[in-house]
C-alpha atoms as a PDB file:
ATOM      1  CA  UNK A   1      71.457-104.777  21.128  1.00  0.00           C
ATOM      2  CA  UNK A   2      71.061-104.467  24.821  1.00  0.00           C
ATOM      3  CA  UNK A   3      67.824-103.678  26.555  1.00  0.00           C
ATOM      4  CA  UNK A   4      69.037-100.224  27.551  1.00  0.00           C
ATOM      5  CA  UNK A   5      69.777 -99.300  23.949  1.00  0.00           C
ATOM      6  CA  UNK A   6      66.321-100.424  22.854  1.00  0.00           C
ATOM      7  CA  UNK A   7      64.645 -98.318  25.531  1.00  0.00           C
ATOM      8  CA  UNK A   8      66.690 -95.246  24.632  1.00  0.00           C
ATOM      9  CA  UNK A   9      65.908 -95.747  20.960  1.00  0.00           C
ATOM     10  CA  UNK A  10      62.176 -95.974  21.601  1.00  0.00           C
ATOM     11  CA  UNK A  11      62.309 -92.947  23.896  1.00  0.00           C
ATOM     12  CA  UNK A  12      64.045 -90.933  21.184  1.00  0.00           C
ATOM     13  CA  UNK A  13      61.408 -91.912  18.663  1.00  0.00           C
ATOM     14  CA  UNK A  14      58.664 -90.830  21.043  1.00  0.00           C
ATOM     15  CA  UNK A  15      60.413 -87.502  21.594  1.00  0.00           C
ATOM     16  CA  UNK A  16      60.787 -86.964  17.858  1.00  0.00           C
ATOM     17  CA  UNK A  17      57.109 -87.818  17.281  1.00  0.00           C
ATOM     18  CA  UNK A  18      55.902 -85.442  19.972  1.00  0.00           C
ATOM     19  CA  UNK A  19      58.141 -82.680  18.579  1.00  0.00           C
ATOM     20  CA  UNK A  20      56.796 -83.293  15.102  1.00  0.00           C
ATOM     21  CA  UNK A  21      53.192 -83.093  16.347  1.00  0.00           C
ATOM     22  CA  UNK A  22      53.840 -79.883  18.308  1.00  0.00           C
ATOM     23  CA  UNK A  23      55.594 -78.318  15.313  1.00  0.00           C
ATOM     24  CA  UNK A  24      52.779 -79.278  12.999  1.00  0.00           C
ATOM     25  CA  UNK A  25      50.154 -77.790  15.247  1.00  0.00           C
ATOM     26  CA  UNK A  26      52.100 -74.496  15.607  1.00  0.00           C
ATOM     27  CA  UNK A  27      52.622 -74.116  11.859  1.00  0.00           C
ATOM     28  CA  UNK A  28      49.030 -74.853  10.846  1.00  0.00           C
ATOM     29  CA  UNK A  29      46.992 -71.653  10.064  1.00  0.00           C
ATOM     30  CA  UNK A  30      44.339 -70.605  12.521  1.00  0.00           C
ATOM     31  CA  UNK A  31      40.939 -70.967  10.883  1.00  0.00           C
ATOM     32  CA  UNK A  32      39.030 -67.705  10.456  1.00  0.00           C
ATOM     33  CA  UNK A  33      35.523 -67.573  11.805  1.00  0.00           C
ATOM     34  CA  UNK A  34      33.146 -65.513   9.662  1.00  0.00           C
ATOM     35  CA  UNK A  35      31.669 -62.597  11.541  1.00  0.00           C
ATOM     36  CA  UNK A  36      28.163 -63.621  10.673  1.00  0.00           C
ATOM     37  CA  UNK A  37      28.703 -67.135  12.092  1.00  0.00           C
ATOM     38  CA  UNK A  38      30.375 -66.037  15.304  1.00  0.00           C
ATOM     39  CA  UNK A  39      28.044 -66.527  18.240  1.00  0.00           C
ATOM     40  CA  UNK A  40      27.119 -63.397  20.120  1.00  0.00           C
ATOM     41  CA  UNK A  41      28.221 -60.932  17.441  1.00  0.00           C
ATOM     42  CA  UNK A  42      31.914 -60.144  16.577  1.00  0.00           C
ATOM     43  CA  UNK A  43      34.264 -62.959  17.327  1.00  0.00           C
ATOM     44  CA  UNK A  44      37.362 -61.072  16.132  1.00  0.00           C
ATOM     45  CA  UNK A  45      38.446 -58.471  18.751  1.00  0.00           C
ATOM     46  CA  UNK A  46      40.488 -56.526  16.180  1.00  0.00           C
ATOM     47  CA  UNK A  47      37.491 -56.093  13.910  1.00  0.00           C
ATOM     48  CA  UNK A  48      35.333 -55.153  16.907  1.00  0.00           C
ATOM     49  CA  UNK A  49      37.833 -52.469  17.910  1.00  0.00           C
ATOM     50  CA  UNK A  50      37.891 -51.030  14.388  1.00  0.00           C
ATOM     51  CA  UNK A  51      34.116 -50.769  14.334  1.00  0.00           C
ATOM     52  CA  UNK A  52      33.928 -49.112  17.733  1.00  0.00           C
ATOM     53  CA  UNK A  53      36.443 -46.407  16.748  1.00  0.00           C
ATOM     54  CA  UNK A  54      34.627 -45.515  13.500  1.00  0.00           C
ATOM     55  CA  UNK A  55      31.101 -44.057  13.997  1.00  0.00           C
ATOM     56  CA  UNK A  56      28.392 -45.760  12.046  1.00  0.00           C
ATOM     57  CA  UNK A  57      26.895 -43.626   9.285  1.00  0.00           C
ATOM     58  CA  UNK A  58      23.373 -42.316  10.014  1.00  0.00           C
ATOM     59  CA  UNK A  59      20.663 -41.201   7.629  1.00  0.00           C
ATOM     60  CA  UNK A  60      19.965 -37.503   8.219  1.00  0.00           C
ATOM     61  CA  UNK A  61      16.994 -35.676   6.723  1.00  0.00           C
ATOM     62  CA  UNK A  62      18.269 -32.491   5.104  1.00  0.00           C
ATOM     63  CA  UNK A  63      15.781 -29.600   5.135  1.00  0.00           C
ATOM     64  CA  UNK A  64      16.586 -26.864   2.666  1.00  0.00           C
ATOM     65  CA  UNK A  65      15.111 -23.547   3.743  1.00  0.00           C
ATOM     66  CA  UNK A  66      13.651 -21.415   0.999  1.00  0.00           C
ATOM     67  CA  UNK A  67      15.922 -18.450   0.238  1.00  0.00           C
ATOM     68  CA  UNK A  68      14.779 -15.231   1.825  1.00  0.00           C
ATOM     69  CA  UNK A  69      13.252 -12.899  -0.673  1.00  0.00           C
ATOM     70  CA  UNK A  70      13.002  -9.164  -0.424  1.00  0.00           C
ATOM     71  CA  UNK A  71       9.873  -7.670  -1.866  1.00  0.00           C
ATOM     72  CA  UNK A  72       9.998  -4.076  -2.938  1.00  0.00           C
ATOM     73  CA  UNK A  73       7.524  -1.955  -0.980  1.00  0.00           C
ATOM     74  CA  UNK A  74       4.414  -1.112  -2.892  1.00  0.00           C
ATOM     75  CA  UNK A  75       4.012   2.590  -3.224  1.00  0.00           C
ATOM     76  CA  UNK A  76       0.705   3.829  -2.049  1.00  0.00           C
ATOM     77  CA  UNK A  77      -0.991   6.581  -3.850  1.00  0.00           C
ATOM     78  CA  UNK A  78      -3.939   8.674  -2.912  1.00  0.00           C
ATOM     79  CA  UNK A  79      -6.520   8.854  -5.656  1.00  0.00           C
ATOM     80  CA  UNK A  80      -8.931  11.781  -5.664  1.00  0.00           C
ATOM     81  CA  UNK A  81     -12.184  10.978  -7.435  1.00  0.00           C
ATOM     82  CA  UNK A  82     -13.720  13.806  -9.455  1.00  0.00           C
ATOM     83  CA  UNK A  83     -17.094  14.313  -7.712  1.00  0.00           C
ATOM     84  CA  UNK A  84     -18.638  15.384 -11.011  1.00  0.00           C
ATOM     85  CA  UNK A  85     -18.216  11.849 -12.357  1.00  0.00           C
ATOM     86  CA  UNK A  86     -20.474  10.516  -9.587  1.00  0.00           C
ATOM     87  CA  UNK A  87     -24.283  10.708  -9.580  1.00  0.00           C
ATOM     88  CA  UNK A  88     -26.108  13.649  -7.995  1.00  0.00           C
ATOM     89  CA  UNK A  89     -27.755  13.393  -4.571  1.00  0.00           C
ATOM     90  CA  UNK A  90     -30.526  15.431  -2.973  1.00  0.00           C
ATOM     91  CA  UNK A  91     -28.521  16.157   0.197  1.00  0.00           C
ATOM     92  CA  UNK A  92     -28.876  19.768   1.352  1.00  0.00           C
ATOM     93  CA  UNK A  93     -25.410  21.396   1.614  1.00  0.00           C
ATOM     94  CA  UNK A  94     -24.235  22.814   4.930  1.00  0.00           C
ATOM     95  CA  UNK A  95     -22.745  26.295   5.226  1.00  0.00           C
ATOM     96  CA  UNK A  96     -20.511  25.080   8.073  1.00  0.00           C
ATOM     97  CA  UNK A  97     -19.082  22.117   6.192  1.00  0.00           C
ATOM     98  CA  UNK A  98     -15.240  22.236   6.458  1.00  0.00           C
ATOM     99  CA  UNK A  99     -14.954  21.478   2.734  1.00  0.00           C
ATOM    100  CA  UNK A 100     -17.154  24.486   1.920  1.00  0.00           C
ATOM    101  CA  UNK A 101     -15.156  26.760   4.260  1.00  0.00           C
ATOM    102  CA  UNK A 102     -11.971  25.576   2.531  1.00  0.00           C
ATOM    103  CA  UNK A 103     -13.467  26.528  -0.854  1.00  0.00           C
ATOM    104  CA  UNK A 104     -14.303  30.029   0.387  1.00  0.00           C
ATOM    105  CA  UNK A 105     -10.787  30.389   1.798  1.00  0.00           C
ATOM    106  CA  UNK A 106      -9.413  29.437  -1.628  1.00  0.00           C
ATOM    107  CA  UNK A 107     -11.651  32.092  -3.184  1.00  0.00           C
ATOM    108  CA  UNK A 108     -10.189  34.814  -0.941  1.00  0.00           C
ATOM    109  CA  UNK A 109      -6.648  33.622  -1.725  1.00  0.00           C
ATOM    110  CA  UNK A 110      -7.453  34.012  -5.422  1.00  0.00           C
ATOM    111  CA  UNK A 111      -8.750  37.533  -4.789  1.00  0.00           C
ATOM    112  CA  UNK A 112      -5.667  38.424  -2.730  1.00  0.00           C
ATOM    113  CA  UNK A 113      -3.227  37.199  -5.383  1.00  0.00           C
ATOM    114  CA  UNK A 114      -5.226  37.937  -8.520  1.00  0.00           C
ATOM    115  CA  UNK A 115      -4.781  34.283  -9.555  1.00  0.00           C
ATOM    116  CA  UNK A 116      -8.236  32.823 -10.360  1.00  0.00           C
ATOM    117  CA  UNK A 117      -6.881  29.278 -10.666  1.00  0.00           C
ATOM    118  CA  UNK A 118      -6.586  29.157  -6.867  1.00  0.00           C
ATOM    119  CA  UNK A 119     -10.383  29.469  -6.675  1.00  0.00           C
ATOM    120  CA  UNK A 120     -11.255  26.769  -9.221  1.00  0.00           C
ATOM    121  CA  UNK A 121     -11.964  24.173  -6.463  1.00  0.00           C
ATOM    122  CA  UNK A 122     -14.820  26.495  -5.342  1.00  0.00           C
ATOM    123  CA  UNK A 123     -16.389  26.522  -8.814  1.00  0.00           C
ATOM    124  CA  UNK A 124     -18.970  24.011 -10.044  1.00  0.00           C
ATOM    125  CA  UNK A 125     -17.123  21.035 -11.653  1.00  0.00           C
ATOM    126  CA  UNK A 126     -17.208  20.710 -15.449  1.00  0.00           C
ATOM    127  CA  UNK A 127     -17.944  16.978 -15.197  1.00  0.00           C
ATOM    128  CA  UNK A 128     -21.045  17.752 -13.096  1.00  0.00           C
ATOM    129  CA  UNK A 129     -22.098  20.553 -15.467  1.00  0.00           C
ATOM    130  CA  UNK A 130     -22.102  18.016 -18.317  1.00  0.00           C
ATOM    131  CA  UNK A 131     -24.552  15.889 -16.331  1.00  0.00           C
ATOM    132  CA  UNK A 132     -26.811  18.822 -15.448  1.00  0.00           C
ATOM    133  CA  UNK A 133     -27.170  21.001 -18.531  1.00  0.00           C
ATOM    134  CA  UNK A 134     -29.467  20.109 -21.439  1.00  0.00           C
ATOM    135  CA  UNK A 135     -27.868  22.512 -23.949  1.00  0.00           C
ATOM    136  CA  UNK A 136     -25.745  22.047 -27.062  1.00  0.00           C
ATOM    137  CA  UNK A 137     -22.042  21.759 -26.265  1.00  0.00           C
ATOM    138  CA  UNK A 138     -22.176  22.391 -22.491  1.00  0.00           C
ATOM    139  CA  UNK A 139     -18.377  22.107 -22.258  1.00  0.00           C
ATOM    140  CA  UNK A 140     -17.918  25.153 -24.499  1.00  0.00           C
ATOM    141  CA  UNK A 141     -20.531  27.097 -22.553  1.00  0.00           C
ATOM    142  CA  UNK A 142     -18.771  26.212 -19.325  1.00  0.00           C
ATOM    143  CA  UNK A 143     -15.357  27.354 -20.530  1.00  0.00           C
ATOM    144  CA  UNK A 144     -16.281  30.330 -22.712  1.00  0.00           C
ATOM    145  CA  UNK A 145     -18.982  31.799 -20.508  1.00  0.00           C
ATOM    146  CA  UNK A 146     -18.943  30.587 -16.913  1.00  0.00           C
ATOM    147  CA  UNK A 147     -15.192  30.247 -16.296  1.00  0.00           C
ATOM    148  CA  UNK A 148     -14.428  33.326 -18.368  1.00  0.00           C
ATOM    149  CA  UNK A 149     -16.789  35.477 -16.256  1.00  0.00           C
ATOM    150  CA  UNK A 150     -15.502  33.880 -13.060  1.00  0.00           C
ATOM    151  CA  UNK A 151     -11.940  34.897 -13.942  1.00  0.00           C
ATOM    152  CA  UNK A 152     -13.112  38.441 -14.720  1.00  0.00           C
ATOM    153  CA  UNK A 153     -14.970  38.770 -11.417  1.00  0.00           C
ATOM    154  CA  UNK A 154     -11.938  37.663  -9.400  1.00  0.00           C
ATOM    155  CA  UNK A 155      -9.793  40.171 -11.260  1.00  0.00           C
ATOM    156  CA  UNK A 156     -12.370  42.885 -10.479  1.00  0.00           C
ATOM    157  CA  UNK A 157     -12.321  42.062  -6.767  1.00  0.00           C
ATOM    158  CA  UNK A 158      -8.534  41.985  -6.711  1.00  0.00           C
ATOM    159  CA  UNK A 159      -8.198  45.427  -8.273  1.00  0.00           C
ATOM    160  CA  UNK A 160     -10.920  46.941  -6.057  1.00  0.00           C
ATOM    161  CA  UNK A 161      -9.286  46.118  -2.725  1.00  0.00           C
ATOM    162  CA  UNK A 162      -6.437  48.611  -3.044  1.00  0.00           C
ATOM    163  CA  UNK A 163      -2.674  48.430  -2.442  1.00  0.00           C
ATOM    164  CA  UNK A 164      -2.998  46.146   0.591  1.00  0.00           C
ATOM    165  CA  UNK A 165      -4.927  43.510  -1.336  1.00  0.00           C
ATOM    166  CA  UNK A 166      -2.178  40.916  -0.773  1.00  0.00           C
ATOM    167  CA  UNK A 167      -3.016  40.937   2.945  1.00  0.00           C
ATOM    168  CA  UNK A 168      -6.632  39.934   2.309  1.00  0.00           C
ATOM    169  CA  UNK A 169      -7.760  37.051   4.537  1.00  0.00           C
ATOM    170  CA  UNK A 170     -10.951  35.059   4.856  1.00  0.00           C
ATOM    171  CA  UNK A 171     -13.178  35.802   7.868  1.00  0.00           C
ATOM    172  CA  UNK A 172     -16.536  34.026   7.405  1.00  0.00           C
ATOM    173  CA  UNK A 173     -19.344  33.194   4.970  1.00  0.00           C
ATOM    174  CA  UNK A 174     -23.121  33.509   5.379  1.00  0.00           C
ATOM    175  CA  UNK A 175     -25.458  31.390   3.257  1.00  0.00           C
ATOM    176  CA  UNK A 176     -29.024  32.804   3.543  1.00  0.00           C
ATOM    177  CA  UNK A 177     -30.951  30.353   5.727  1.00  0.00           C
ATOM    178  CA  UNK A 178     -34.093  28.935   4.179  1.00  0.00           C
ATOM    179  CA  UNK A 179     -33.339  30.492   0.775  1.00  0.00           C
ATOM    180  CA  UNK A 180     -32.115  27.363  -1.018  1.00  0.00           C
ATOM    181  CA  UNK A 181     -34.453  25.863  -3.636  1.00  0.00           C
ATOM    182  CA  UNK A 182     -34.508  22.393  -5.178  1.00  0.00           C
ATOM    183  CA  UNK A 183     -34.370  22.863  -8.961  1.00  0.00           C
ATOM    184  CA  UNK A 184     -35.963  20.076 -10.995  1.00  0.00           C
ATOM    185  CA  UNK A 185     -35.178  18.973 -14.582  1.00  0.00           C
ATOM    186  CA  UNK A 186     -36.611  21.244 -17.266  1.00  0.00           C
ATOM    187  CA  UNK A 187     -35.925  24.441 -15.302  1.00  0.00           C
ATOM    188  CA  UNK A 188     -32.963  26.660 -16.287  1.00  0.00           C
ATOM    189  CA  UNK A 189     -32.168  24.437 -19.294  1.00  0.00           C
ATOM    190  CA  UNK A 190     -31.368  21.513 -17.009  1.00  0.00           C
ATOM    191  CA  UNK A 191     -31.679  17.768 -17.357  1.00  0.00           C
ATOM    192  CA  UNK A 192     -30.660  17.195 -13.741  1.00  0.00           C
ATOM    193  CA  UNK A 193     -31.617  18.522 -10.332  1.00  0.00           C
ATOM    194  CA  UNK A 194     -29.707  20.519  -7.688  1.00  0.00           C
ATOM    195  CA  UNK A 195     -30.087  22.920  -4.791  1.00  0.00           C
ATOM    196  CA  UNK A 196     -29.689  26.611  -5.725  1.00  0.00           C
ATOM    197  CA  UNK A 197     -29.161  29.635  -3.470  1.00  0.00           C
ATOM    198  CA  UNK A 198     -28.732  33.362  -4.191  1.00  0.00           C
ATOM    199  CA  UNK A 199     -27.041  36.042  -2.106  1.00  0.00           C
ATOM    200  CA  UNK A 200     -24.297  34.286  -0.110  1.00  0.00           C
ATOM    201  CA  UNK A 201     -22.134  36.908   1.652  1.00  0.00           C
ATOM    202  CA  UNK A 202     -18.370  36.419   2.024  1.00  0.00           C
ATOM    203  CA  UNK A 203     -16.617  38.396   4.769  1.00  0.00           C
ATOM    204  CA  UNK A 204     -12.913  39.203   4.532  1.00  0.00           C
ATOM    205  CA  UNK A 205     -10.308  41.520   6.029  1.00  0.00           C
ATOM    206  CA  UNK A 206      -7.721  43.693   4.254  1.00  0.00           C
ATOM    207  CA  UNK A 207      -4.938  44.935   6.526  1.00  0.00           C
ATOM    208  CA  UNK A 208      -7.342  44.669   9.442  1.00  0.00           C
ATOM    209  CA  UNK A 209     -10.158  46.485   7.660  1.00  0.00           C
ATOM    210  CA  UNK A 210     -13.298  44.325   7.230  1.00  0.00           C
ATOM    211  CA  UNK A 211     -15.111  43.995   3.930  1.00  0.00           C
ATOM    212  CA  UNK A 212     -17.572  41.769   2.141  1.00  0.00           C
ATOM    213  CA  UNK A 213     -18.983  40.833  -1.260  1.00  0.00           C
ATOM    214  CA  UNK A 214     -21.967  38.776  -2.394  1.00  0.00           C
ATOM    215  CA  UNK A 215     -21.892  35.588  -4.457  1.00  0.00           C
ATOM    216  CA  UNK A 216     -24.635  35.874  -7.052  1.00  0.00           C
ATOM    217  CA  UNK A 217     -25.484  32.152  -7.313  1.00  0.00           C
ATOM    218  CA  UNK A 218     -24.354  28.792  -5.958  1.00  0.00           C
ATOM    219  CA  UNK A 219     -25.695  25.343  -6.763  1.00  0.00           C
ATOM    220  CA  UNK A 220     -25.134  21.982  -5.125  1.00  0.00           C
ATOM    221  CA  UNK A 221     -23.489  18.767  -6.183  1.00  0.00           C
ATOM    222  CA  UNK A 222     -23.613  15.723  -3.927  1.00  0.00           C
ATOM    223  CA  UNK A 223     -24.296  17.785  -0.802  1.00  0.00           C
ATOM    224  CA  UNK A 224     -21.729  20.570  -1.352  1.00  0.00           C
ATOM    225  CA  UNK A 225     -22.090  24.185  -2.474  1.00  0.00           C
ATOM    226  CA  UNK A 226     -20.254  25.424  -5.585  1.00  0.00           C
ATOM    227  CA  UNK A 227     -20.163  28.863  -7.238  1.00  0.00           C
ATOM    228  CA  UNK A 228     -21.633  29.216 -10.745  1.00  0.00           C
ATOM    229  CA  UNK A 229     -21.951  33.032 -10.888  1.00  0.00           C
ATOM    230  CA  UNK A 230     -19.684  35.158  -8.684  1.00  0.00           C
ATOM    231  CA  UNK A 231     -20.529  38.877  -8.870  1.00  0.00           C
ATOM    232  CA  UNK A 232     -23.439  38.712 -11.309  1.00  0.00           C
ATOM    233  CA  UNK A 233     -25.444  36.306 -13.480  1.00  0.00           C
ATOM    234  CA  UNK A 234     -24.509  36.845 -17.100  1.00  0.00           C
END
């Protein structure tokens, strides 16, 4: 074999070897670098892109508001306390007290209509009478005697004022000044005390014509005047 053939043969072998090496390197798999071992964070650009496009989950505190509740409005009521259930006082009643004037106005309305029930607020309360009187069965005495006579006296006034009685209106009331007396227990069959006054004059008008009548007796309870005998003491 000539020298040229030997050189060509060796050159071919070198070429084949280099080709084999290049082919082997191209076909060998590229080693994967774990993310945790890659210096500086993510070594794989594809994985880095996937993470950047997907937002990282965040922990969010959820506050649940209490459901709104509707409370029904509480109805308010006005409670009127029976003054007769309260203890007596030694306060002197006033003849100009608006409550007393209202009672006298109610009395005239009862006279005008002939309905005595309209004037019951002006009469001494049963509950107070039970505290005052030291007699057997004061409730029966109150109903059978005092209220019964009160009703009769209002009926008498109503019938005496003539055909225009329905037009009767209240004008004024005069309580005799300096005539009230403080009644102590043991007097008038009482176990309690009160102020008493005789001769209060009620002024009214019937169809423009003035008139008047006299209240036989009033007594006090907690600083207010009340009727116990209207036209006469019986």
